[in-house]
PDB file of N, CA and C in Angstrom:
ATOM      1  N   MET A   1       1.391  -1.668  -0.034  1.00  0.00           N
ATOM      2  CA  MET A   1      -0.261  -0.211  -0.113  1.00  0.00           C
ATOM      3  C   MET A   1       0.802   0.921  -0.639  1.00  0.00           C
ATOM      4  N   ALA A   2       0.496   2.578  -0.819  1.00  0.00           N
ATOM      5  CA  ALA A   2       1.582   3.316  -0.917  1.00  0.00           C
ATOM      6  C   ALA A   2       0.748   4.611  -0.050  1.00  0.00           C
ATOM      7  N   GLU A   3       1.910   5.366   1.111  1.00  0.00           N
ATOM      8  CA  GLU A   3       0.957   6.584   1.788  1.00  0.00           C
ATOM      9  C   GLU A   3       0.802   7.193   1.263  1.00  0.00           C
ATOM     10  N   ILE A   4      -0.301   7.793   2.128  1.00  0.00           N
ATOM     11  CA  ILE A   4      -1.632   8.437   2.182  1.00  0.00           C
ATOM     12  C   ILE A   4      -0.794   9.759   2.544  1.00  0.00           C
ATOM     13  N   LYS A   5      -0.948  11.253   1.597  1.00  0.00           N
ATOM     14  CA  LYS A   5      -0.494  11.465   2.073  1.00  0.00           C
ATOM     15  C   LYS A   5      -1.119  13.209   2.364  1.00  0.00           C
ATOM     16  N   PRO A   6      -1.521  13.523   2.845  1.00  0.00           N
ATOM     17  CA  PRO A   6      -3.072  13.959   4.033  1.00  0.00           C
ATOM     18  C   PRO A   6      -3.191  15.332   3.162  1.00  0.00           C
ATOM     19  N   ASN A   7      -2.560  16.096   2.502  1.00  0.00           N
ATOM     20  CA  ASN A   7      -3.365  17.238   0.826  1.00  0.00           C
ATOM     21  C   ASN A   7      -2.981  17.493  -0.351  1.00  0.00           C
ATOM     22  N   GLU A   8      -2.932  15.729  -0.377  1.00  0.00           N
ATOM     23  CA  GLU A   8      -3.194  14.857  -2.174  1.00  0.00           C
ATOM     24  C   GLU A   8      -4.485  14.998  -1.932  1.00  0.00           C
ATOM     25  N   VAL A   9      -4.831  14.774  -3.447  1.00  0.00           N
ATOM     26  CA  VAL A   9      -6.419  15.217  -3.954  1.00  0.00           C
ATOM     27  C   VAL A   9      -6.852  13.600  -4.785  1.00  0.00           C
ATOM     28  N   TYR A  10      -7.427  13.149  -3.895  1.00  0.00           N
ATOM     29  CA  TYR A  10      -7.546  11.713  -4.422  1.00  0.00           C
ATOM     30  C   TYR A  10      -9.481  12.068  -5.264  1.00  0.00           C
ATOM     31  N   THR A  11      -9.878  10.452  -5.873  1.00  0.00           N
ATOM     32  CA  THR A  11     -10.973  10.517  -6.659  1.00  0.00           C
ATOM     33  C   THR A  11     -11.740   9.228  -6.235  1.00  0.00           C
ATOM     34  N   THR A  12     -12.734   8.609  -6.524  1.00  0.00           N
ATOM     35  CA  THR A  12     -13.429   8.569  -5.001  1.00  0.00           C
ATOM     36  C   THR A  12     -13.280   6.869  -5.339  1.00  0.00           C
ATOM     37  N   GLU A  13     -12.461   6.772  -7.047  1.00  0.00           N
ATOM     38  CA  GLU A  13     -11.882   5.412  -7.024  1.00  0.00           C
ATOM     39  C   GLU A  13     -10.697   4.914  -6.320  1.00  0.00           C
ATOM     40  N   GLU A  14      -9.881   5.842  -6.526  1.00  0.00           N
ATOM     41  CA  GLU A  14      -8.233   5.815  -5.404  1.00  0.00           C
ATOM     42  C   GLU A  14      -8.638   5.799  -3.783  1.00  0.00           C
ATOM     43  N   THR A  15      -9.790   5.857  -3.906  1.00  0.00           N
ATOM     44  CA  THR A  15     -10.429   5.918  -2.349  1.00  0.00           C
ATOM     45  C   THR A  15     -10.635   4.909  -1.968  1.00  0.00           C
ATOM     46  N   ARG A  16     -11.450   4.401  -2.966  1.00  0.00           N
ATOM     47  CA  ARG A  16     -12.203   2.534  -2.447  1.00  0.00           C
ATOM     48  C   ARG A  16     -10.766   1.886  -2.732  1.00  0.00           C
ATOM     49  N   GLN A  17      -9.809   2.154  -3.002  1.00  0.00           N
ATOM     50  CA  GLN A  17      -8.691   1.050  -2.989  1.00  0.00           C
ATOM     51  C   GLN A  17      -8.567   1.755  -2.208  1.00  0.00           C
ATOM     52  N   ILE A  18      -7.898   2.126  -1.514  1.00  0.00           N
ATOM     53  CA  ILE A  18      -7.366   2.594  -0.199  1.00  0.00           C
ATOM     54  C   ILE A  18      -8.146   1.930   0.674  1.00  0.00           C
ATOM     55  N   LEU A  19      -9.236   2.248   0.496  1.00  0.00           N
ATOM     56  CA  LEU A  19     -10.131   1.424   1.828  1.00  0.00           C
ATOM     57  C   LEU A  19     -10.199   0.467   1.914  1.00  0.00           C
ATOM     58  N   LYS A  20     -10.209  -0.123   0.061  1.00  0.00           N
ATOM     59  CA  LYS A  20     -10.607  -1.898   0.147  1.00  0.00           C
ATOM     60  C   LYS A  20     -12.200  -2.496   0.165  1.00  0.00           C
ATOM     61  N   ILE A  21     -13.351  -1.022  -0.268  1.00  0.00           N
ATOM     62  CA  ILE A  21     -14.885  -1.438  -0.406  1.00  0.00           C
ATOM     63  C   ILE A  21     -15.293  -1.081  -1.732  1.00  0.00           C
ATOM     64  N   SER A  22     -15.710  -1.829  -1.641  1.00  0.00           N
ATOM     65  CA  SER A  22     -17.077  -1.660  -3.349  1.00  0.00           C
ATOM     66  C   SER A  22     -17.418  -0.329  -3.461  1.00  0.00           C
ATOM     67  N   PRO A  23     -17.425  -0.270  -4.668  1.00  0.00           N
ATOM     68  CA  PRO A  23     -18.268   1.022  -5.308  1.00  0.00           C
ATOM     69  C   PRO A  23     -19.246   1.875  -4.687  1.00  0.00           C
ATOM     70  N   SER A  24     -20.609   1.019  -3.858  1.00  0.00           N
ATOM     71  CA  SER A  24     -21.199   1.410  -3.095  1.00  0.00           C
ATOM     72  C   SER A  24     -21.529   1.909  -2.474  1.00  0.00           C
ATOM     73  N   THR A  25     -20.533   1.284  -1.651  1.00  0.00           N
ATOM     74  CA  THR A  25     -20.036   1.327   0.339  1.00  0.00           C
ATOM     75  C   THR A  25     -19.480   2.968   0.167  1.00  0.00           C
ATOM     76  N   ILE A  26     -18.866   3.173  -0.774  1.00  0.00           N
ATOM     77  CA  ILE A  26     -17.480   3.978  -1.013  1.00  0.00           C
ATOM     78  C   ILE A  26     -19.132   6.044  -1.804  1.00  0.00           C
ATOM     79  N   LYS A  27     -19.585   5.370  -1.981  1.00  0.00           N
ATOM     80  CA  LYS A  27     -21.328   5.978  -3.039  1.00  0.00           C
ATOM     81  C   LYS A  27     -21.572   6.090  -1.190  1.00  0.00           C
ATOM     82  N   ARG A  28     -22.684   4.924  -0.385  1.00  0.00           N
ATOM     83  CA  ARG A  28     -23.182   5.017   0.122  1.00  0.00           C
ATOM     84  C   ARG A  28     -22.460   6.362   1.562  1.00  0.00           C
ATOM     85  N   MET A  29     -20.639   6.076   1.943  1.00  0.00           N
ATOM     86  CA  MET A  29     -20.697   6.639   2.723  1.00  0.00           C
ATOM     87  C   MET A  29     -20.130   8.534   2.532  1.00  0.00           C
ATOM     88  N   LEU A  30     -20.030   8.702   1.188  1.00  0.00           N
ATOM     89  CA  LEU A  30     -20.173   9.887   0.707  1.00  0.00           C
ATOM     90  C   LEU A  30     -21.720  10.777   1.076  1.00  0.00           C
ATOM     91  N   LYS A  31     -21.912   9.508   0.209  1.00  0.00           N
ATOM     92  CA  LYS A  31     -23.985  10.356   0.155  1.00  0.00           C
ATOM     93  C   LYS A  31     -24.637  10.500   1.899  1.00  0.00           C
ATOM     94  N   ARG A  32     -23.681   9.908   2.784  1.00  0.00           N
ATOM     95  CA  ARG A  32     -24.430   9.561   4.441  1.00  0.00           C
ATOM     96  C   ARG A  32     -22.978  10.641   5.010  1.00  0.00           C
ATOM     97  N   GLY A  33     -22.431  11.260   4.605  1.00  0.00           N
ATOM     98  CA  GLY A  33     -21.625  11.969   5.358  1.00  0.00           C
ATOM     99  C   GLY A  33     -20.516  11.825   5.858  1.00  0.00           C
ATOM    100  N   LEU A  34     -20.327  10.669   5.877  1.00  0.00           N
ATOM    101  CA  LEU A  34     -19.607   9.926   6.267  1.00  0.00           C
ATOM    102  C   LEU A  34     -17.475  10.147   5.896  1.00  0.00           C
ATOM    103  N   VAL A  35     -17.835  10.585   4.482  1.00  0.00           N
ATOM    104  CA  VAL A  35     -16.679  10.789   4.360  1.00  0.00           C
ATOM    105  C   VAL A  35     -16.677  12.246   3.456  1.00  0.00           C
ATOM    106  N   ARG A  36     -16.182  12.908   3.507  1.00  0.00           N
ATOM    107  CA  ARG A  36     -16.634  14.320   3.414  1.00  0.00           C
ATOM    108  C   ARG A  36     -15.482  15.155   1.835  1.00  0.00           C
ATOM    109  N   ALA A  37     -16.182  15.224   1.176  1.00  0.00           N
ATOM    110  CA  ALA A  37     -15.223  15.305   0.605  1.00  0.00           C
ATOM    111  C   ALA A  37     -15.898  16.813  -0.788  1.00  0.00           C
ATOM    112  N   ASN A  38     -15.194  17.191  -1.821  1.00  0.00           N
ATOM    113  CA  ASN A  38     -15.919  18.399  -2.966  1.00  0.00           C
ATOM    114  C   ASN A  38     -16.321  17.895  -4.221  1.00  0.00           C
ATOM    115  N   LYS A  39     -17.112  18.480  -4.820  1.00  0.00           N
ATOM    116  CA  LYS A  39     -17.538  17.397  -5.649  1.00  0.00           C
ATOM    117  C   LYS A  39     -16.837  18.459  -7.029  1.00  0.00           C
ATOM    118  N   VAL A  40     -16.287  18.743  -7.885  1.00  0.00           N
ATOM    119  CA  VAL A  40     -15.673  19.120  -8.618  1.00  0.00           C
ATOM    120  C   VAL A  40     -16.347  17.668 -10.764  1.00  0.00           C
ATOM    121  N   GLY A  41     -16.732  18.804 -10.901  1.00  0.00           N
ATOM    122  CA  GLY A  41     -16.797  18.501 -12.527  1.00  0.00           C
ATOM    123  C   GLY A  41     -17.698  17.411 -12.146  1.00  0.00           C
ATOM    124  N   GLY A  42     -18.120  17.155 -11.475  1.00  0.00           N
ATOM    125  CA  GLY A  42     -19.362  16.115 -11.201  1.00  0.00           C
ATOM    126  C   GLY A  42     -18.513  15.268 -10.839  1.00  0.00           C
ATOM    127  N   GLN A  43     -17.678  14.965 -10.018  1.00  0.00           N
ATOM    128  CA  GLN A  43     -16.944  14.087  -9.896  1.00  0.00           C
ATOM    129  C   GLN A  43     -16.615  14.648  -8.091  1.00  0.00           C
ATOM    130  N   TYR A  44     -16.222  13.522  -7.405  1.00  0.00           N
ATOM    131  CA  TYR A  44     -15.941  13.474  -5.723  1.00  0.00           C
ATOM    132  C   TYR A  44     -14.167  13.612  -6.142  1.00  0.00           C
ATOM    133  N   ARG A  45     -13.881  14.599  -4.917  1.00  0.00           N
ATOM    134  CA  ARG A  45     -12.165  14.311  -4.604  1.00  0.00           C
ATOM    135  C   ARG A  45     -12.415  14.810  -3.420  1.00  0.00           C
ATOM    136  N   ILE A  46     -11.413  13.068  -3.143  1.00  0.00           N
ATOM    137  CA  ILE A  46     -10.928  13.347  -1.299  1.00  0.00           C
ATOM    138  C   ILE A  46      -9.710  14.096  -0.639  1.00  0.00           C
ATOM    139  N   LEU A  47      -9.507  14.275   0.432  1.00  0.00           N
ATOM    140  CA  LEU A  47      -8.337  14.844   0.562  1.00  0.00           C
ATOM    141  C   LEU A  47      -7.755  13.953   1.171  1.00  0.00           C
ATOM    142  N   GLY A  48      -6.125  13.965   1.173  1.00  0.00           N
ATOM    143  CA  GLY A  48      -5.789  12.377   1.690  1.00  0.00           C
ATOM    144  C   GLY A  48      -6.249  12.915   3.126  1.00  0.00           C
ATOM    145  N   LYS A  49      -6.284  14.073   4.211  1.00  0.00           N
ATOM    146  CA  LYS A  49      -6.693  14.065   5.564  1.00  0.00           C
ATOM    147  C   LYS A  49      -7.650  13.318   5.644  1.00  0.00           C
ATOM    148  N   GLU A  50      -8.390  13.168   5.440  1.00  0.00           N
ATOM    149  CA  GLU A  50      -9.714  12.600   4.762  1.00  0.00           C
ATOM    150  C   GLU A  50     -10.115  11.728   5.537  1.00  0.00           C
ATOM    151  N   ILE A  51      -8.934  10.627   4.511  1.00  0.00           N
ATOM    152  CA  ILE A  51      -9.633   9.465   4.307  1.00  0.00           C
ATOM    153  C   ILE A  51      -8.098   8.967   5.498  1.00  0.00           C
ATOM    154  N   LEU A  52      -7.335   9.969   6.340  1.00  0.00           N
ATOM    155  CA  LEU A  52      -6.682   9.601   6.911  1.00  0.00           C
ATOM    156  C   LEU A  52      -7.250   9.264   8.331  1.00  0.00           C
ATOM    157  N   ARG A  53      -8.218  10.399   8.659  1.00  0.00           N
ATOM    158  CA  ARG A  53      -9.676  10.459   9.520  1.00  0.00           C
ATOM    159  C   ARG A  53     -10.415   8.623   9.264  1.00  0.00           C
ATOM    160  N   VAL A  54     -10.486   8.631   8.160  1.00  0.00           N
ATOM    161  CA  VAL A  54     -11.440   7.984   8.191  1.00  0.00           C
ATOM    162  C   VAL A  54     -10.739   5.963   9.022  1.00  0.00           C
ATOM    163  N   ILE A  55      -9.578   6.117   8.139  1.00  0.00           N
ATOM    164  CA  ILE A  55      -8.580   5.205   9.098  1.00  0.00           C
ATOM    165  C   ILE A  55      -8.388   5.042  10.717  1.00  0.00           C
ATOM    166  N   SER A  56      -8.400   6.152  11.016  1.00  0.00           N
ATOM    167  CA  SER A  56      -8.366   6.038  12.112  1.00  0.00           C
ATOM    168  C   SER A  56      -9.254   8.251  12.715  1.00  0.00           C
ATOM    169  N   PRO A  57     -10.800   7.472  13.714  1.00  0.00           N
ATOM    170  CA  PRO A  57     -11.233   7.899  14.050  1.00  0.00           C
ATOM    171  C   PRO A  57     -11.027   8.341  15.717  1.00  0.00           C
ATOM    172  N   ASP A  58     -10.378   8.119  16.133  1.00  0.00           N
ATOM    173  CA  ASP A  58      -9.614   8.213  17.444  1.00  0.00           C
ATOM    174  C   ASP A  58      -8.905   9.119  17.290  1.00  0.00           C
ATOM    175  N   PHE A  59      -7.689   9.395  16.227  1.00  0.00           N
ATOM    176  CA  PHE A  59      -6.622  10.301  16.503  1.00  0.00           C
ATOM    177  C   PHE A  59      -7.406  11.668  16.144  1.00  0.00           C
ATOM    178  N   GLU A  60      -9.063  11.899  15.673  1.00  0.00           N
ATOM    179  CA  GLU A  60      -9.563  13.198  15.070  1.00  0.00           C
ATOM    180  C   GLU A  60      -9.717  13.348  17.266  1.00  0.00           C
ATOM    181  N   ARG A  61     -10.916  12.215  17.131  1.00  0.00           N
ATOM    182  CA  ARG A  61     -11.018  12.845  18.557  1.00  0.00           C
ATOM    183  C   ARG A  61     -10.108  12.693  19.985  1.00  0.00           C
ATOM    184  N   LYS A  62      -8.404  12.728  20.076  1.00  0.00           N
ATOM    185  CA  LYS A  62      -7.428  13.055  20.722  1.00  0.00           C
ATOM    186  C   LYS A  62      -7.618  14.484  20.475  1.00  0.00           C
ATOM    187  N   ALA A  63      -7.085  14.821  19.261  1.00  0.00           N
ATOM    188  CA  ALA A  63      -7.339  16.348  18.987  1.00  0.00           C
ATOM    189  C   ALA A  63      -8.106  16.727  19.493  1.00  0.00           C
ATOM    190  N   VAL A  64      -9.640  16.500  18.787  1.00  0.00           N
ATOM    191  CA  VAL A  64     -10.590  17.503  19.719  1.00  0.00           C
ATOM    192  C   VAL A  64     -10.496  17.628  21.505  1.00  0.00           C
ATOM    193  N   GLY A  65     -10.649  16.519  21.805  1.00  0.00           N
ATOM    194  CA  GLY A  65      -9.970  16.557  22.949  1.00  0.00           C
ATOM    195  C   GLY A  65      -9.678  17.865  23.523  1.00  0.00           C
ATOM    196  N   ARG A  66      -7.937  17.649  22.946  1.00  0.00           N
ATOM    197  CA  ARG A  66      -7.229  17.973  23.691  1.00  0.00           C
ATOM    198  C   ARG A  66      -7.348  19.404  23.074  1.00  0.00           C
ATOM    199  N   TYR A  67      -7.682  20.500  21.855  1.00  0.00           N
ATOM    200  CA  TYR A  67      -7.925  21.676  21.832  1.00  0.00           C
ATOM    201  C   TYR A  67      -9.443  21.834  22.938  1.00  0.00           C
ATOM    202  N   LYS A  68     -10.411  20.972  23.052  1.00  0.00           N
ATOM    203  CA  LYS A  68     -11.330  21.962  24.195  1.00  0.00           C
ATOM    204  C   LYS A  68     -10.665  21.763  25.971  1.00  0.00           C
ATOM    205  N   ASN A  69     -10.092  20.719  26.179  1.00  0.00           N
ATOM    206  CA  ASN A  69      -8.720  21.295  26.607  1.00  0.00           C
ATOM    207  C   ASN A  69      -8.395  22.966  27.100  1.00  0.00           C
ATOM    208  N   ILE A  70      -7.276  22.806  26.108  1.00  0.00           N
ATOM    209  CA  ILE A  70      -7.080  23.911  25.945  1.00  0.00           C
ATOM    210  C   ILE A  70      -8.230  25.166  25.897  1.00  0.00           C
ATOM    211  N   LYS A  71      -9.001  25.403  25.183  1.00  0.00           N
ATOM    212  CA  LYS A  71     -10.180  26.333  24.811  1.00  0.00           C
ATOM    213  C   LYS A  71     -10.382  26.139  26.574  1.00  0.00           C
ATOM    214  N   THR A  72     -11.198  25.075  27.406  1.00  0.00           N
ATOM    215  CA  THR A  72     -11.221  25.530  28.662  1.00  0.00           C
ATOM    216  C   THR A  72      -9.999  26.530  29.532  1.00  0.00           C
ATOM    217  N   LYS A  73      -9.074  26.550  29.583  1.00  0.00           N
ATOM    218  CA  LYS A  73      -7.937  27.301  30.235  1.00  0.00           C
ATOM    219  C   LYS A  73      -7.999  28.760  30.081  1.00  0.00           C
ATOM    220  N   VAL A  74      -8.226  28.810  28.771  1.00  0.00           N
ATOM    221  CA  VAL A  74      -8.098  30.058  27.921  1.00  0.00           C
ATOM    222  C   VAL A  74      -9.305  30.769  28.739  1.00  0.00           C
ATOM    223  N   LYS A  75     -10.692  30.850  28.180  1.00  0.00           N
ATOM    224  CA  LYS A  75     -11.854  30.282  28.685  1.00  0.00           C
ATOM    225  C   LYS A  75     -11.501  31.325  30.177  1.00  0.00           C
ATOM    226  N   SER A  76     -10.682  29.937  31.353  1.00  0.00           N
ATOM    227  CA  SER A  76     -10.874  30.190  32.380  1.00  0.00           C
ATOM    228  C   SER A  76     -10.147  31.898  32.512  1.00  0.00           C
ATOM    229  N   LYS A  77      -8.535  31.629  31.677  1.00  0.00           N
ATOM    230  CA  LYS A  77      -7.340  32.532  32.178  1.00  0.00           C
ATOM    231  C   LYS A  77      -8.497  33.969  31.536  1.00  0.00           C
ATOM    232  N   ILE A  78      -9.290  34.390  30.895  1.00  0.00           N
ATOM    233  CA  ILE A  78      -9.817  34.959  30.112  1.00  0.00           C
ATOM    234  C   ILE A  78     -11.271  36.071  30.940  1.00  0.00           C
ATOM    235  N   LYS A  79     -11.751  35.315  31.390  1.00  0.00           N
ATOM    236  CA  LYS A  79     -12.853  34.967  32.868  1.00  0.00           C
ATOM    237  C   LYS A  79     -12.095  35.663  33.618  1.00  0.00           C
ATOM    238  N   ASN A  80     -10.539  35.669  34.271  1.00  0.00           N
ATOM    239  CA  ASN A  80     -10.405  37.181  35.534  1.00  0.00           C
ATOM    240  C   ASN A  80      -9.504  37.770  35.006  1.00  0.00           C
ATOM    241  N   TRP A  81      -9.870  37.838  33.457  1.00  0.00           N
ATOM    242  CA  TRP A  81      -9.219  39.500  33.480  1.00  0.00           C
ATOM    243  C   TRP A  81     -10.468  41.097  33.501  1.00  0.00           C
TER     244      TRP A  81
END
Protein backbone atom coordinates (compact mmCIF):
# COMPACT_ATOMS: atom_id res chain seq x y z
CA MET A 1 0.00 0.00 0.00
CA ALA A 2 1.28 3.44 -0.92
CA GLU A 3 1.62 6.22 1.62
CA ILE A 4 -1.48 8.41 2.01
CA LYS A 5 -0.42 12.03 1.72
CA PRO A 6 -2.62 14.36 3.81
CA ASN A 7 -2.65 17.21 1.27
CA GLU A 8 -3.02 15.00 -1.81
CA VAL A 9 -6.36 14.96 -3.65
CA TYR A 10 -7.80 11.51 -4.42
CA THR A 11 -10.65 10.37 -6.65
CA THR A 12 -13.40 8.10 -5.36
CA GLU A 13 -11.81 5.17 -7.21
CA GLU A 14 -8.42 5.78 -5.58
CA THR A 15 -10.08 6.18 -2.18
CA ARG A 16 -12.07 3.00 -2.72
CA GLN A 17 -8.89 1.08 -3.51
CA ILE A 18 -7.06 2.50 -0.48
CA LEU A 19 -9.91 1.62 1.88
CA LYS A 20 -10.54 -1.70 0.08
CA ILE A 21 -14.29 -1.17 -0.15
CA SER A 22 -16.86 -1.69 -2.90
CA PRO A 23 -18.12 1.09 -5.21
CA SER A 24 -21.53 1.01 -3.51
CA THR A 25 -19.93 1.41 -0.07
CA ILE A 26 -17.95 4.52 -1.07
CA LYS A 27 -21.12 6.01 -2.58
CA ARG A 28 -23.02 5.30 0.62
CA MET A 29 -20.26 6.82 2.76
CA LEU A 30 -20.24 9.98 0.63
CA LYS A 31 -24.04 10.25 0.68
CA ARG A 32 -24.21 9.88 4.48
CA GLY A 33 -21.36 12.32 5.04
CA LEU A 34 -19.05 9.74 6.59
CA VAL A 35 -16.40 10.81 4.10
CA ARG A 36 -16.19 14.53 3.44
CA ALA A 37 -15.52 15.42 -0.19
CA ASN A 38 -15.84 18.21 -2.72
CA LYS A 39 -17.57 17.79 -6.03
CA VAL A 40 -15.52 19.01 -8.99
CA GLY A 41 -16.97 18.73 -12.47
CA GLY A 42 -19.53 16.16 -11.38
CA GLN A 43 -16.95 13.96 -9.65
CA TYR A 44 -15.96 13.79 -6.00
CA ARG A 45 -12.47 14.68 -4.81
CA ILE A 46 -11.30 13.58 -1.37
CA LEU A 47 -8.34 14.96 0.58
CA GLY A 48 -5.81 12.50 1.95
CA LYS A 49 -6.31 13.77 5.49
CA GLU A 50 -9.97 12.81 5.19
CA ILE A 51 -8.98 9.27 4.26
CA LEU A 52 -6.60 9.21 7.23
CA ARG A 53 -9.43 10.41 9.48
CA VAL A 54 -11.67 7.58 8.27
CA ILE A 55 -8.93 5.05 8.90
CA SER A 56 -8.13 6.40 12.36
CA PRO A 57 -11.10 8.30 13.84
CA ASP A 58 -9.73 7.99 17.39
CA PHE A 59 -6.87 10.29 16.33
CA GLU A 60 -9.38 13.03 15.56
CA ARG A 61 -11.19 12.43 18.87
CA LYS A 62 -7.91 12.88 20.76
CA ALA A 63 -7.17 16.10 18.89
CA VAL A 64 -10.66 17.46 19.64
CA GLY A 65 -10.25 16.56 23.32
CA ARG A 66 -6.94 18.39 23.56
CA TYR A 67 -8.39 21.41 21.78
CA LYS A 68 -11.31 21.52 24.25
CA ASN A 69 -8.90 21.36 27.21
CA ILE A 70 -6.88 24.29 25.85
CA LYS A 71 -10.06 26.23 25.09
CA THR A 72 -11.32 25.71 28.66
CA LYS A 73 -8.01 26.93 30.13
CA VAL A 74 -8.00 30.02 27.91
CA LYS A 75 -11.61 30.83 28.82
CA SER A 76 -10.86 30.56 32.54
CA LYS A 77 -7.87 32.92 32.21
CA ILE A 78 -9.84 35.43 30.16
CA LYS A 79 -12.70 35.30 32.66
CA ASN A 80 -10.37 36.59 35.41
CA TRP A 81 -9.41 39.72 33.41
